[in-house]
């Protein structure tokens, strides 16, 4: 997760989380894994961005 800027995906990183990639993954299955992790990170990223750690 990163701050939004005028350039695509160029904002300062707030939080990151890796996801396992399997040889059988497709673009769709990988996107689902990433989305699931993003949903878990949203509350933490918001608190961090607001300085509420």
N, C-alpha and C. Protein backbone atom coordinates (compact mmCIF):
# COMPACT_ATOMS: atom_id res chain seq x y z
N UNK A 1 0.84 -1.16 0.00
CA UNK A 1 0.00 0.00 0.00
C UNK A 1 0.89 1.23 0.00
N UNK A 2 0.44 2.24 -0.72
CA UNK A 2 1.25 3.44 -0.84
C UNK A 2 0.35 4.67 -0.90
N UNK A 3 0.96 5.82 -0.67
CA UNK A 3 0.25 7.07 -0.81
C UNK A 3 -0.03 7.31 -2.29
N UNK A 4 -1.13 7.98 -2.58
CA UNK A 4 -1.52 8.27 -3.95
C UNK A 4 -0.80 9.53 -4.43
N UNK A 5 -0.27 9.47 -5.64
CA UNK A 5 0.36 10.63 -6.28
C UNK A 5 -0.20 10.74 -7.69
N UNK A 6 0.28 11.71 -8.43
CA UNK A 6 -0.18 11.89 -9.82
C UNK A 6 0.33 10.79 -10.74
N UNK A 7 1.38 10.10 -10.34
CA UNK A 7 1.94 9.03 -11.16
C UNK A 7 1.50 7.67 -10.63
N UNK A 8 1.19 6.77 -11.52
CA UNK A 8 0.70 5.45 -11.15
C UNK A 8 1.70 4.69 -10.29
N UNK A 9 1.25 4.23 -9.14
CA UNK A 9 2.04 3.40 -8.23
C UNK A 9 3.40 4.00 -7.86
N UNK A 10 3.46 5.31 -7.74
CA UNK A 10 4.75 5.93 -7.44
C UNK A 10 4.80 6.56 -6.05
N UNK A 11 3.71 6.50 -5.29
CA UNK A 11 3.69 7.10 -3.97
C UNK A 11 4.55 6.36 -2.97
N UNK A 12 4.89 7.06 -1.90
CA UNK A 12 5.69 6.45 -0.83
C UNK A 12 4.95 5.24 -0.24
N UNK A 13 5.67 4.17 -0.04
CA UNK A 13 5.09 2.94 0.49
C UNK A 13 4.73 3.13 1.96
N UNK A 14 3.52 2.70 2.31
CA UNK A 14 3.06 2.73 3.71
C UNK A 14 3.33 1.35 4.33
N UNK A 15 2.83 0.31 3.71
CA UNK A 15 3.03 -1.07 4.17
C UNK A 15 3.12 -1.99 2.95
N UNK A 16 3.82 -3.10 3.15
CA UNK A 16 3.92 -4.12 2.11
C UNK A 16 3.72 -5.49 2.73
N UNK A 17 3.20 -6.41 1.93
CA UNK A 17 3.06 -7.79 2.35
C UNK A 17 3.26 -8.67 1.12
N UNK A 18 4.07 -9.68 1.23
CA UNK A 18 4.26 -10.58 0.09
C UNK A 18 3.19 -11.66 0.09
N UNK A 19 2.98 -12.25 -1.07
CA UNK A 19 2.06 -13.37 -1.20
C UNK A 19 2.81 -14.49 -1.90
N UNK A 20 2.52 -15.73 -1.54
CA UNK A 20 3.20 -16.85 -2.20
C UNK A 20 2.71 -17.00 -3.65
N UNK A 21 3.63 -17.26 -4.54
CA UNK A 21 3.29 -17.48 -5.94
C UNK A 21 3.59 -18.94 -6.27
N UNK A 22 2.56 -19.60 -6.76
CA UNK A 22 2.68 -21.01 -7.14
C UNK A 22 2.75 -21.12 -8.65
N UNK A 23 3.32 -22.18 -9.14
CA UNK A 23 3.44 -22.38 -10.59
C UNK A 23 2.08 -22.50 -11.26
N UNK A 24 1.05 -22.86 -10.50
CA UNK A 24 -0.28 -23.00 -11.08
C UNK A 24 -1.10 -21.71 -10.99
N UNK A 25 -0.54 -20.65 -10.39
CA UNK A 25 -1.27 -19.39 -10.28
C UNK A 25 -1.51 -18.77 -11.65
N UNK A 26 -2.66 -18.14 -11.76
CA UNK A 26 -2.99 -17.36 -12.94
C UNK A 26 -3.00 -15.89 -12.50
N UNK A 27 -3.15 -15.01 -13.46
CA UNK A 27 -3.26 -13.58 -13.11
C UNK A 27 -4.45 -13.37 -12.18
N UNK A 28 -5.52 -14.07 -12.42
CA UNK A 28 -6.73 -13.94 -11.60
C UNK A 28 -6.50 -14.48 -10.18
N UNK A 29 -5.90 -15.64 -10.04
CA UNK A 29 -5.69 -16.21 -8.71
C UNK A 29 -4.69 -15.38 -7.91
N UNK A 30 -3.68 -14.85 -8.59
CA UNK A 30 -2.70 -14.00 -7.92
C UNK A 30 -3.35 -12.68 -7.48
N UNK A 31 -4.20 -12.12 -8.32
CA UNK A 31 -4.92 -10.89 -7.97
C UNK A 31 -5.79 -11.11 -6.74
N UNK A 32 -6.40 -12.26 -6.62
CA UNK A 32 -7.23 -12.57 -5.45
C UNK A 32 -6.38 -12.64 -4.18
N UNK A 33 -5.20 -13.24 -4.29
CA UNK A 33 -4.30 -13.33 -3.14
C UNK A 33 -3.87 -11.93 -2.69
N UNK A 34 -3.51 -11.09 -3.66
CA UNK A 34 -3.08 -9.73 -3.34
C UNK A 34 -4.21 -8.95 -2.70
N UNK A 35 -5.40 -9.05 -3.25
CA UNK A 35 -6.56 -8.34 -2.70
C UNK A 35 -6.85 -8.77 -1.27
N UNK A 36 -6.75 -10.05 -0.99
CA UNK A 36 -6.98 -10.54 0.37
C UNK A 36 -5.98 -9.92 1.35
N UNK A 37 -4.73 -9.84 0.95
CA UNK A 37 -3.71 -9.22 1.81
C UNK A 37 -3.95 -7.73 1.98
N UNK A 38 -4.36 -7.07 0.90
CA UNK A 38 -4.66 -5.64 0.99
C UNK A 38 -5.76 -5.38 2.00
N UNK A 39 -6.78 -6.21 2.00
CA UNK A 39 -7.88 -6.03 2.95
C UNK A 39 -7.41 -6.18 4.39
N UNK A 40 -6.45 -7.05 4.62
CA UNK A 40 -5.90 -7.21 5.96
C UNK A 40 -5.04 -6.02 6.36
N UNK A 41 -4.38 -5.41 5.39
CA UNK A 41 -3.47 -4.30 5.67
C UNK A 41 -4.17 -2.95 5.80
N UNK A 42 -5.36 -2.79 5.24
CA UNK A 42 -6.02 -1.48 5.24
C UNK A 42 -6.08 -0.83 6.62
N UNK A 43 -6.59 -1.50 7.65
CA UNK A 43 -6.66 -0.84 8.96
C UNK A 43 -5.29 -0.40 9.49
N UNK A 44 -4.29 -1.25 9.32
CA UNK A 44 -2.93 -0.92 9.78
C UNK A 44 -2.36 0.26 8.99
N UNK A 45 -2.59 0.26 7.70
CA UNK A 45 -2.05 1.33 6.85
C UNK A 45 -2.71 2.67 7.18
N UNK A 46 -4.00 2.65 7.41
CA UNK A 46 -4.71 3.88 7.76
C UNK A 46 -4.19 4.43 9.07
N UNK A 47 -4.05 3.56 10.06
CA UNK A 47 -3.52 4.02 11.37
C UNK A 47 -2.11 4.58 11.22
N UNK A 48 -1.28 3.90 10.44
CA UNK A 48 0.09 4.36 10.24
C UNK A 48 0.12 5.71 9.51
N UNK A 49 -0.70 5.86 8.48
CA UNK A 49 -0.73 7.10 7.72
C UNK A 49 -1.23 8.26 8.56
N UNK A 50 -2.11 7.98 9.52
CA UNK A 50 -2.63 9.03 10.39
C UNK A 50 -1.78 9.24 11.63
N UNK A 51 -0.72 8.44 11.76
CA UNK A 51 0.16 8.56 12.92
C UNK A 51 -0.45 8.02 14.20
N UNK A 52 -1.34 7.05 14.07
CA UNK A 52 -2.04 6.48 15.23
C UNK A 52 -1.49 5.13 15.67
N UNK A 53 -0.35 4.78 15.21
CA UNK A 53 0.23 3.47 15.52
C UNK A 53 -0.05 3.11 16.89
